[in-house]
Amino acid sequence: MNKVFLIGRLTRDPELRYTSNNTPVATFSLAVNRNYSNQNGEREADFINIVVWRKQAENVKNYIKQGSQIAIDGRIQTRSYDGEDGKKRYITEVIADNVQFLDTKSNNNTSNYNNSSNEVSYQTPESFSQQPISTDVTSDPFADFGSSIEISDDELPF
C-alpha cells in the first residue's frame, strides 16, 4: 500500500504548467514540521515536493500561495532522468490525490477542494450560524442541579 497524508505550509507559490495534450499540472514544495526537536532544541521541517494534476492543479494555482497551510493525501512516486552532465538523477515526490486548503478564505483567500467530487466550496463568515454566543460568566450553568453534587471515588474513571 502506498498512501501518504501530510499537513504543512507551502514554501513557494505553486507553478502551473500544461502537458503536450493540454493537461494542467502544478508543482510546489510543502514544509512539514517534525514531531521532535534537534539537539539545540529547535524544531526542524522536511521539505517535500508535491505534484497535483488536472482541475485540482488549476485550483491550487488560483487559491493558495507561499505560506498557505494545506493537507494532502496521495502516494509517493520516484522517477529518474539523465542530467545535463550525463548522470542519472532520481526524484521522489508525492502525487496528491486530494488537496484540502486549511487557511480560511479571509486569511488567505483560499477554499476547500476535494478531487473526488470535483467541486470547490467556500466558507465565508456569512455562512456561519448567526446565533449570538453568550459570554455571561456570572450565570451558573449547574444551578438546576442543586447546591452540591455528590460523587464517590468509585464513579471516577481514573
N, C-alpha and C. Protein backbone atom coordinates (compact mmCIF):
# COMPACT_ATOMS: atom_id res chain seq x y z
N MET A 1 0.85 -1.18 0.00
CA MET A 1 0.00 0.00 0.00
C MET A 1 0.89 1.24 0.00
N ASN A 2 0.57 2.19 -0.81
CA ASN A 2 1.34 3.42 -0.96
C ASN A 2 0.40 4.58 -0.70
N LYS A 3 0.34 5.07 0.54
CA LYS A 3 -0.58 6.14 0.93
C LYS A 3 0.15 7.13 1.82
N VAL A 4 0.01 8.42 1.53
CA VAL A 4 0.68 9.47 2.27
C VAL A 4 -0.34 10.52 2.69
N PHE A 5 -0.26 10.98 3.96
CA PHE A 5 -1.07 12.09 4.47
C PHE A 5 -0.10 13.12 5.03
N LEU A 6 -0.20 14.36 4.58
CA LEU A 6 0.70 15.42 5.03
C LEU A 6 -0.08 16.69 5.32
N ILE A 7 0.36 17.42 6.35
CA ILE A 7 -0.14 18.76 6.63
C ILE A 7 1.08 19.65 6.75
N GLY A 8 1.08 20.76 6.03
CA GLY A 8 2.21 21.66 6.09
C GLY A 8 1.90 22.98 5.41
N ARG A 9 2.95 23.77 5.22
CA ARG A 9 2.82 25.08 4.59
C ARG A 9 3.65 25.13 3.31
N LEU A 10 3.12 25.83 2.31
CA LEU A 10 3.82 25.96 1.04
C LEU A 10 5.08 26.80 1.22
N THR A 11 6.19 26.33 0.66
CA THR A 11 7.44 27.07 0.74
C THR A 11 7.59 28.07 -0.40
N ARG A 12 6.78 27.91 -1.43
CA ARG A 12 6.79 28.82 -2.58
C ARG A 12 5.42 28.73 -3.26
N ASP A 13 5.13 29.70 -4.10
CA ASP A 13 3.88 29.68 -4.86
C ASP A 13 3.88 28.48 -5.81
N PRO A 14 2.72 27.86 -6.02
CA PRO A 14 2.65 26.73 -6.97
C PRO A 14 2.98 27.18 -8.40
N GLU A 15 3.65 26.29 -9.13
CA GLU A 15 3.94 26.53 -10.55
C GLU A 15 2.98 25.68 -11.37
N LEU A 16 2.25 26.32 -12.27
CA LEU A 16 1.29 25.63 -13.12
C LEU A 16 1.85 25.54 -14.53
N ARG A 17 1.85 24.31 -15.08
CA ARG A 17 2.27 24.07 -16.46
C ARG A 17 1.20 23.21 -17.13
N TYR A 18 1.33 23.05 -18.43
CA TYR A 18 0.42 22.20 -19.19
C TYR A 18 1.24 21.20 -19.99
N THR A 19 0.78 19.95 -20.01
CA THR A 19 1.46 18.92 -20.79
C THR A 19 1.17 19.15 -22.28
N SER A 20 1.79 18.33 -23.13
CA SER A 20 1.59 18.48 -24.58
C SER A 20 0.14 18.25 -25.00
N ASN A 21 -0.61 17.47 -24.23
CA ASN A 21 -2.03 17.28 -24.54
C ASN A 21 -2.92 18.19 -23.70
N ASN A 22 -2.35 19.30 -23.20
CA ASN A 22 -3.07 20.37 -22.51
C ASN A 22 -3.64 19.96 -21.14
N THR A 23 -3.00 19.02 -20.44
CA THR A 23 -3.42 18.63 -19.10
C THR A 23 -2.67 19.48 -18.08
N PRO A 24 -3.40 20.18 -17.19
CA PRO A 24 -2.72 21.03 -16.20
C PRO A 24 -2.00 20.18 -15.15
N VAL A 25 -0.81 20.65 -14.74
CA VAL A 25 -0.05 20.02 -13.66
C VAL A 25 0.61 21.13 -12.85
N ALA A 26 0.45 21.08 -11.53
CA ALA A 26 1.05 22.08 -10.64
C ALA A 26 2.06 21.38 -9.73
N THR A 27 3.14 22.08 -9.44
CA THR A 27 4.15 21.57 -8.52
C THR A 27 4.43 22.63 -7.47
N PHE A 28 4.72 22.16 -6.26
CA PHE A 28 5.11 23.05 -5.17
C PHE A 28 5.81 22.22 -4.12
N SER A 29 6.39 22.90 -3.15
CA SER A 29 7.08 22.24 -2.06
C SER A 29 6.34 22.52 -0.77
N LEU A 30 6.21 21.49 0.07
CA LEU A 30 5.47 21.59 1.33
C LEU A 30 6.44 21.39 2.50
N ALA A 31 6.45 22.33 3.42
CA ALA A 31 7.26 22.21 4.64
C ALA A 31 6.42 21.54 5.71
N VAL A 32 6.87 20.37 6.17
CA VAL A 32 6.14 19.60 7.18
C VAL A 32 7.02 19.51 8.42
N ASN A 33 6.50 20.02 9.55
CA ASN A 33 7.27 20.02 10.80
C ASN A 33 7.47 18.61 11.31
N ARG A 34 8.65 18.37 11.89
CA ARG A 34 8.93 17.10 12.56
C ARG A 34 8.36 17.16 13.97
N ASN A 35 8.10 15.99 14.56
CA ASN A 35 7.48 15.93 15.89
C ASN A 35 8.47 16.12 17.02
N TYR A 36 9.72 16.27 16.73
CA TYR A 36 10.72 16.38 17.78
C TYR A 36 11.67 17.54 17.49
N SER A 37 12.45 17.92 18.49
CA SER A 37 13.43 18.99 18.35
C SER A 37 14.82 18.41 18.19
N ASN A 38 15.73 19.17 17.58
CA ASN A 38 17.10 18.71 17.44
C ASN A 38 17.87 18.93 18.74
N GLN A 39 19.17 18.71 18.74
CA GLN A 39 19.98 18.84 19.95
C GLN A 39 20.01 20.26 20.48
N ASN A 40 19.77 21.25 19.64
CA ASN A 40 19.75 22.65 20.06
C ASN A 40 18.36 23.09 20.53
N GLY A 41 17.40 22.17 20.55
CA GLY A 41 16.04 22.50 20.97
C GLY A 41 15.20 23.15 19.89
N GLU A 42 15.67 23.14 18.65
CA GLU A 42 14.94 23.75 17.54
C GLU A 42 14.14 22.70 16.78
N ARG A 43 12.93 23.10 16.35
CA ARG A 43 12.11 22.21 15.53
C ARG A 43 12.60 22.26 14.09
N GLU A 44 12.67 21.10 13.47
CA GLU A 44 13.09 21.02 12.08
C GLU A 44 11.90 20.65 11.22
N ALA A 45 12.06 20.83 9.92
CA ALA A 45 10.99 20.51 8.97
C ALA A 45 11.57 19.73 7.81
N ASP A 46 10.72 18.94 7.18
CA ASP A 46 11.07 18.27 5.94
C ASP A 46 10.40 19.03 4.80
N PHE A 47 11.09 19.14 3.68
CA PHE A 47 10.57 19.85 2.52
C PHE A 47 10.27 18.81 1.44
N ILE A 48 8.98 18.66 1.13
CA ILE A 48 8.52 17.57 0.29
C ILE A 48 7.92 18.14 -0.99
N ASN A 49 8.38 17.61 -2.13
CA ASN A 49 7.86 18.04 -3.43
C ASN A 49 6.51 17.40 -3.68
N ILE A 50 5.54 18.20 -4.11
CA ILE A 50 4.18 17.75 -4.36
C ILE A 50 3.82 18.03 -5.82
N VAL A 51 3.11 17.09 -6.45
CA VAL A 51 2.61 17.24 -7.82
C VAL A 51 1.10 17.05 -7.79
N VAL A 52 0.38 17.97 -8.43
CA VAL A 52 -1.08 17.93 -8.48
C VAL A 52 -1.51 18.03 -9.94
N TRP A 53 -2.50 17.26 -10.35
CA TRP A 53 -2.92 17.19 -11.74
C TRP A 53 -4.32 17.74 -11.96
N ARG A 54 -4.61 18.08 -13.19
CA ARG A 54 -5.91 18.44 -13.75
C ARG A 54 -6.55 19.66 -13.08
N LYS A 55 -7.85 19.63 -12.86
CA LYS A 55 -8.59 20.78 -12.31
C LYS A 55 -8.06 21.16 -10.93
N GLN A 56 -7.67 20.16 -10.17
CA GLN A 56 -7.12 20.42 -8.84
C GLN A 56 -5.84 21.26 -8.94
N ALA A 57 -5.04 21.04 -9.98
CA ALA A 57 -3.82 21.82 -10.20
C ALA A 57 -4.16 23.30 -10.44
N GLU A 58 -5.19 23.54 -11.24
CA GLU A 58 -5.60 24.92 -11.50
C GLU A 58 -6.13 25.59 -10.24
N ASN A 59 -6.87 24.85 -9.41
CA ASN A 59 -7.38 25.40 -8.16
C ASN A 59 -6.24 25.72 -7.19
N VAL A 60 -5.26 24.85 -7.13
CA VAL A 60 -4.10 25.10 -6.27
C VAL A 60 -3.42 26.39 -6.70
N LYS A 61 -3.20 26.56 -8.00
CA LYS A 61 -2.54 27.77 -8.50
C LYS A 61 -3.35 29.02 -8.19
N ASN A 62 -4.70 28.92 -8.30
CA ASN A 62 -5.55 30.09 -8.13
C ASN A 62 -5.81 30.47 -6.68
N TYR A 63 -5.79 29.51 -5.75
CA TYR A 63 -6.29 29.79 -4.41
C TYR A 63 -5.28 29.68 -3.28
N ILE A 64 -4.10 29.17 -3.52
CA ILE A 64 -3.12 29.12 -2.44
C ILE A 64 -1.81 29.73 -2.89
N LYS A 65 -1.01 30.13 -1.92
CA LYS A 65 0.26 30.78 -2.21
C LYS A 65 1.26 30.42 -1.12
N GLN A 66 2.46 30.92 -1.26
CA GLN A 66 3.51 30.65 -0.28
C GLN A 66 3.00 30.97 1.12
N GLY A 67 3.20 30.03 2.06
CA GLY A 67 2.77 30.21 3.44
C GLY A 67 1.40 29.62 3.74
N SER A 68 0.62 29.27 2.72
CA SER A 68 -0.70 28.68 2.94
C SER A 68 -0.55 27.31 3.59
N GLN A 69 -1.45 27.02 4.53
CA GLN A 69 -1.44 25.70 5.16
C GLN A 69 -2.45 24.80 4.44
N ILE A 70 -1.97 23.60 4.07
CA ILE A 70 -2.83 22.66 3.36
C ILE A 70 -2.62 21.25 3.92
N ALA A 71 -3.58 20.40 3.63
CA ALA A 71 -3.47 18.97 3.92
C ALA A 71 -3.59 18.25 2.58
N ILE A 72 -2.77 17.25 2.39
CA ILE A 72 -2.85 16.47 1.16
C ILE A 72 -2.86 14.99 1.50
N ASP A 73 -3.49 14.22 0.65
CA ASP A 73 -3.29 12.78 0.69
C ASP A 73 -2.99 12.33 -0.73
N GLY A 74 -2.11 11.35 -0.82
CA GLY A 74 -1.68 10.89 -2.12
C GLY A 74 -0.76 9.70 -2.01
N ARG A 75 0.20 9.61 -2.94
CA ARG A 75 1.11 8.48 -2.97
C ARG A 75 2.51 8.96 -3.30
N ILE A 76 3.51 8.22 -2.86
CA ILE A 76 4.90 8.54 -3.17
C ILE A 76 5.25 7.94 -4.53
N GLN A 77 5.97 8.71 -5.32
CA GLN A 77 6.40 8.23 -6.63
C GLN A 77 7.87 8.62 -6.84
N THR A 78 8.63 7.72 -7.40
CA THR A 78 10.02 8.03 -7.75
C THR A 78 10.15 7.95 -9.27
N ARG A 79 11.02 8.79 -9.80
CA ARG A 79 11.29 8.77 -11.23
C ARG A 79 12.74 9.18 -11.42
N SER A 80 13.25 8.97 -12.62
CA SER A 80 14.64 9.33 -12.89
C SER A 80 14.73 9.98 -14.26
N TYR A 81 15.82 10.72 -14.45
CA TYR A 81 16.12 11.33 -15.74
C TYR A 81 17.62 11.52 -15.84
N ASP A 82 18.10 11.74 -17.04
CA ASP A 82 19.52 11.99 -17.25
C ASP A 82 19.76 13.49 -17.21
N GLY A 83 20.67 13.92 -16.33
CA GLY A 83 21.00 15.32 -16.19
C GLY A 83 21.85 15.82 -17.35
N GLU A 84 22.08 17.13 -17.40
CA GLU A 84 22.87 17.73 -18.47
C GLU A 84 24.31 17.21 -18.46
N ASP A 85 24.77 16.77 -17.28
CA ASP A 85 26.13 16.25 -17.18
C ASP A 85 26.20 14.75 -17.51
N GLY A 86 25.07 14.17 -17.91
CA GLY A 86 25.03 12.76 -18.29
C GLY A 86 24.78 11.81 -17.13
N LYS A 87 24.71 12.33 -15.89
CA LYS A 87 24.46 11.48 -14.72
C LYS A 87 22.96 11.27 -14.53
N LYS A 88 22.63 10.10 -14.06
CA LYS A 88 21.23 9.78 -13.80
C LYS A 88 20.80 10.45 -12.50
N ARG A 89 19.67 11.14 -12.52
CA ARG A 89 19.13 11.83 -11.36
C ARG A 89 17.82 11.15 -10.96
N TYR A 90 17.60 11.05 -9.65
CA TYR A 90 16.39 10.43 -9.10
C TYR A 90 15.60 11.48 -8.34
N ILE A 91 14.29 11.44 -8.50
CA ILE A 91 13.40 12.37 -7.81
C ILE A 91 12.33 11.56 -7.09
N THR A 92 12.09 11.91 -5.84
CA THR A 92 10.99 11.34 -5.07
C THR A 92 10.02 12.47 -4.78
N GLU A 93 8.75 12.26 -5.07
CA GLU A 93 7.74 13.29 -4.87
C GLU A 93 6.42 12.64 -4.48
N VAL A 94 5.50 13.45 -3.98
CA VAL A 94 4.18 12.96 -3.62
C VAL A 94 3.20 13.42 -4.70
N ILE A 95 2.47 12.47 -5.25
CA ILE A 95 1.42 12.77 -6.21
C ILE A 95 0.13 12.90 -5.40
N ALA A 96 -0.41 14.11 -5.32
CA ALA A 96 -1.57 14.39 -4.47
C ALA A 96 -2.85 13.94 -5.15
N ASP A 97 -3.64 13.13 -4.43
CA ASP A 97 -4.97 12.76 -4.90
C ASP A 97 -6.01 13.78 -4.44
N ASN A 98 -5.83 14.30 -3.23
CA ASN A 98 -6.73 15.31 -2.66
C ASN A 98 -5.91 16.40 -2.00
N VAL A 99 -6.35 17.63 -2.17
CA VAL A 99 -5.73 18.77 -1.50
C VAL A 99 -6.83 19.51 -0.77
N GLN A 100 -6.62 19.75 0.51
CA GLN A 100 -7.60 20.50 1.30
C GLN A 100 -6.92 21.75 1.83
N PHE A 101 -7.52 22.89 1.55
CA PHE A 101 -6.96 24.17 1.98
C PHE A 101 -7.40 24.41 3.42
N LEU A 102 -6.45 24.59 4.32
CA LEU A 102 -6.76 24.71 5.74
C LEU A 102 -6.87 26.14 6.22
N ASP A 103 -6.32 27.10 5.50
CA ASP A 103 -6.46 28.51 5.87
C ASP A 103 -7.86 28.97 5.52
N THR A 104 -8.38 29.94 6.28
CA THR A 104 -9.69 30.47 5.96
C THR A 104 -9.59 31.40 4.76
N LYS A 105 -10.70 31.60 4.09
CA LYS A 105 -10.71 32.45 2.91
C LYS A 105 -10.31 33.88 3.27
N SER A 106 -10.75 34.36 4.42
CA SER A 106 -10.42 35.73 4.81
C SER A 106 -8.94 35.87 5.13
N ASN A 107 -8.31 34.80 5.63
CA ASN A 107 -6.89 34.86 5.96
C ASN A 107 -6.02 34.75 4.73
N ASN A 108 -6.43 33.95 3.76
CA ASN A 108 -5.52 33.64 2.67
C ASN A 108 -6.20 33.55 1.32
N ASN A 109 -7.48 33.90 1.25
CA ASN A 109 -8.24 33.83 0.01
C ASN A 109 -8.17 32.43 -0.59
N THR A 110 -8.45 31.42 0.24
CA THR A 110 -8.40 30.03 -0.20
C THR A 110 -9.75 29.38 -0.05
N SER A 111 -9.84 28.15 -0.51
CA SER A 111 -11.06 27.37 -0.42
C SER A 111 -10.71 25.93 -0.16
N ASN A 112 -11.74 25.10 0.04
CA ASN A 112 -11.55 23.65 0.17
C ASN A 112 -11.87 23.01 -1.16
N TYR A 113 -11.04 22.07 -1.56
CA TYR A 113 -11.26 21.39 -2.82
C TYR A 113 -11.05 19.92 -2.61
N ASN A 114 -11.99 19.11 -3.05
CA ASN A 114 -11.88 17.66 -2.94
C ASN A 114 -11.92 17.10 -4.35
N ASN A 115 -10.86 16.43 -4.75
CA ASN A 115 -10.73 15.93 -6.12
C ASN A 115 -11.82 14.93 -6.48
N SER A 116 -12.29 14.14 -5.52
CA SER A 116 -13.26 13.10 -5.86
C SER A 116 -14.62 13.68 -6.22
N SER A 117 -14.97 14.85 -5.69
CA SER A 117 -16.27 15.43 -6.01
C SER A 117 -16.17 16.50 -7.09
N ASN A 118 -14.93 16.93 -7.44
CA ASN A 118 -14.72 17.96 -8.44
C ASN A 118 -15.50 19.23 -8.16
N GLU A 119 -15.63 19.62 -6.91
CA GLU A 119 -16.32 20.83 -6.52
C GLU A 119 -15.42 21.67 -5.65
N VAL A 120 -15.61 22.99 -5.77
CA VAL A 120 -14.91 23.92 -4.88
C VAL A 120 -15.94 24.49 -3.94
N SER A 121 -15.66 24.46 -2.63
CA SER A 121 -16.60 25.01 -1.66
C SER A 121 -15.92 26.09 -0.85
N TYR A 122 -16.59 27.19 -0.67
CA TYR A 122 -16.06 28.31 0.08
C TYR A 122 -16.82 28.43 1.39
N GLN A 123 -16.12 28.86 2.42
CA GLN A 123 -16.78 29.18 3.68
C GLN A 123 -16.48 30.63 3.99
N THR A 124 -17.51 31.41 4.09
CA THR A 124 -17.35 32.81 4.43
C THR A 124 -17.98 33.04 5.79
N PRO A 125 -17.63 34.12 6.47
CA PRO A 125 -18.24 34.39 7.78
C PRO A 125 -19.75 34.46 7.72
N GLU A 126 -20.32 34.88 6.57
CA GLU A 126 -21.77 34.97 6.46
C GLU A 126 -22.44 33.59 6.47
N SER A 127 -21.70 32.53 6.12
CA SER A 127 -22.30 31.20 6.05
C SER A 127 -22.38 30.52 7.40
N PHE A 128 -21.75 31.09 8.41
CA PHE A 128 -21.81 30.52 9.74
C PHE A 128 -23.11 30.94 10.42
N SER A 129 -23.49 30.22 11.44
CA SER A 129 -24.72 30.50 12.18
C SER A 129 -24.69 31.91 12.73
N GLN A 130 -25.81 32.58 12.66
CA GLN A 130 -25.91 33.94 13.17
C GLN A 130 -26.42 33.98 14.61
N GLN A 131 -26.44 32.83 15.30
CA GLN A 131 -26.88 32.78 16.68
C GLN A 131 -25.89 33.53 17.56
N PRO A 132 -26.36 34.42 18.45
CA PRO A 132 -25.43 35.11 19.33
C PRO A 132 -24.82 34.12 20.32
N ILE A 133 -23.56 34.34 20.65
CA ILE A 133 -22.87 33.50 21.60
C ILE A 133 -22.92 34.18 22.96
N SER A 134 -23.37 33.45 23.98
CA SER A 134 -23.46 34.01 25.32
C SER A 134 -22.08 34.02 25.95
N THR A 135 -21.71 35.20 26.47
CA THR A 135 -20.43 35.32 27.15
C THR A 135 -20.63 35.72 28.61
N ASP A 136 -21.83 35.47 29.14
CA ASP A 136 -22.14 35.82 30.52
C ASP A 136 -21.50 34.80 31.45
N VAL A 137 -20.41 35.19 32.12
CA VAL A 137 -19.70 34.28 33.01
C VAL A 137 -20.25 34.30 34.43
N THR A 138 -21.22 35.18 34.69
CA THR A 138 -21.78 35.26 36.05
C THR A 138 -22.89 34.25 36.26
N SER A 139 -23.49 33.73 35.19
CA SER A 139 -24.57 32.76 35.36
C SER A 139 -23.98 31.38 35.65
N ASP A 140 -24.65 30.61 36.48
CA ASP A 140 -24.20 29.28 36.89
C ASP A 140 -24.88 28.23 36.01
N PRO A 141 -24.12 27.53 35.15
CA PRO A 141 -24.75 26.55 34.27
C PRO A 141 -25.26 25.31 35.02
N PHE A 142 -24.86 25.13 36.27
CA PHE A 142 -25.28 23.98 37.06
C PHE A 142 -26.30 24.34 38.13
N ALA A 143 -26.94 25.49 38.00
CA ALA A 143 -27.88 25.97 39.01
C ALA A 143 -29.06 25.01 39.18
N ASP A 144 -29.48 24.32 38.16
CA ASP A 144 -30.64 23.42 38.24
C ASP A 144 -30.33 22.10 38.92
N PHE A 145 -29.08 21.83 39.25
CA PHE A 145 -28.71 20.56 39.84
C PHE A 145 -28.73 20.55 41.36
N GLY A 146 -28.99 21.65 41.98
CA GLY A 146 -29.00 21.71 43.44
C GLY A 146 -27.74 22.38 43.96
N SER A 147 -27.60 22.36 45.29
CA SER A 147 -26.49 23.09 45.89
C SER A 147 -25.18 22.33 45.83
N SER A 148 -25.19 21.00 45.82
CA SER A 148 -23.95 20.25 45.74
C SER A 148 -24.17 18.97 44.94
N ILE A 149 -23.07 18.45 44.43
CA ILE A 149 -23.12 17.22 43.66
C ILE A 149 -22.27 16.20 44.40
N GLU A 150 -22.85 15.08 44.73
CA GLU A 150 -22.15 14.02 45.45
C GLU A 150 -21.56 13.04 44.45
N ILE A 151 -20.23 12.85 44.50
CA ILE A 151 -19.55 11.91 43.63
C ILE A 151 -18.62 11.06 44.49
N SER A 152 -18.76 9.74 44.37
CA SER A 152 -17.87 8.87 45.13
C SER A 152 -16.65 8.53 44.27
N ASP A 153 -15.58 8.06 44.91
CA ASP A 153 -14.37 7.70 44.19
C ASP A 153 -14.60 6.57 43.19
N ASP A 154 -15.59 5.72 43.45
CA ASP A 154 -15.89 4.61 42.54
C ASP A 154 -16.46 5.08 41.21
N GLU A 155 -17.02 6.29 41.17
CA GLU A 155 -17.63 6.80 39.95
C GLU A 155 -16.62 7.51 39.04
N LEU A 156 -15.44 7.79 39.53
CA LEU A 156 -14.45 8.49 38.72
C LEU A 156 -13.74 7.50 37.78
N PRO A 157 -13.51 7.89 36.55
CA PRO A 157 -12.91 6.98 35.58
C PRO A 157 -11.40 6.83 35.72
N PHE A 158 -10.78 7.57 36.61
CA PHE A 158 -9.32 7.49 36.74
C PHE A 158 -8.91 7.26 38.16
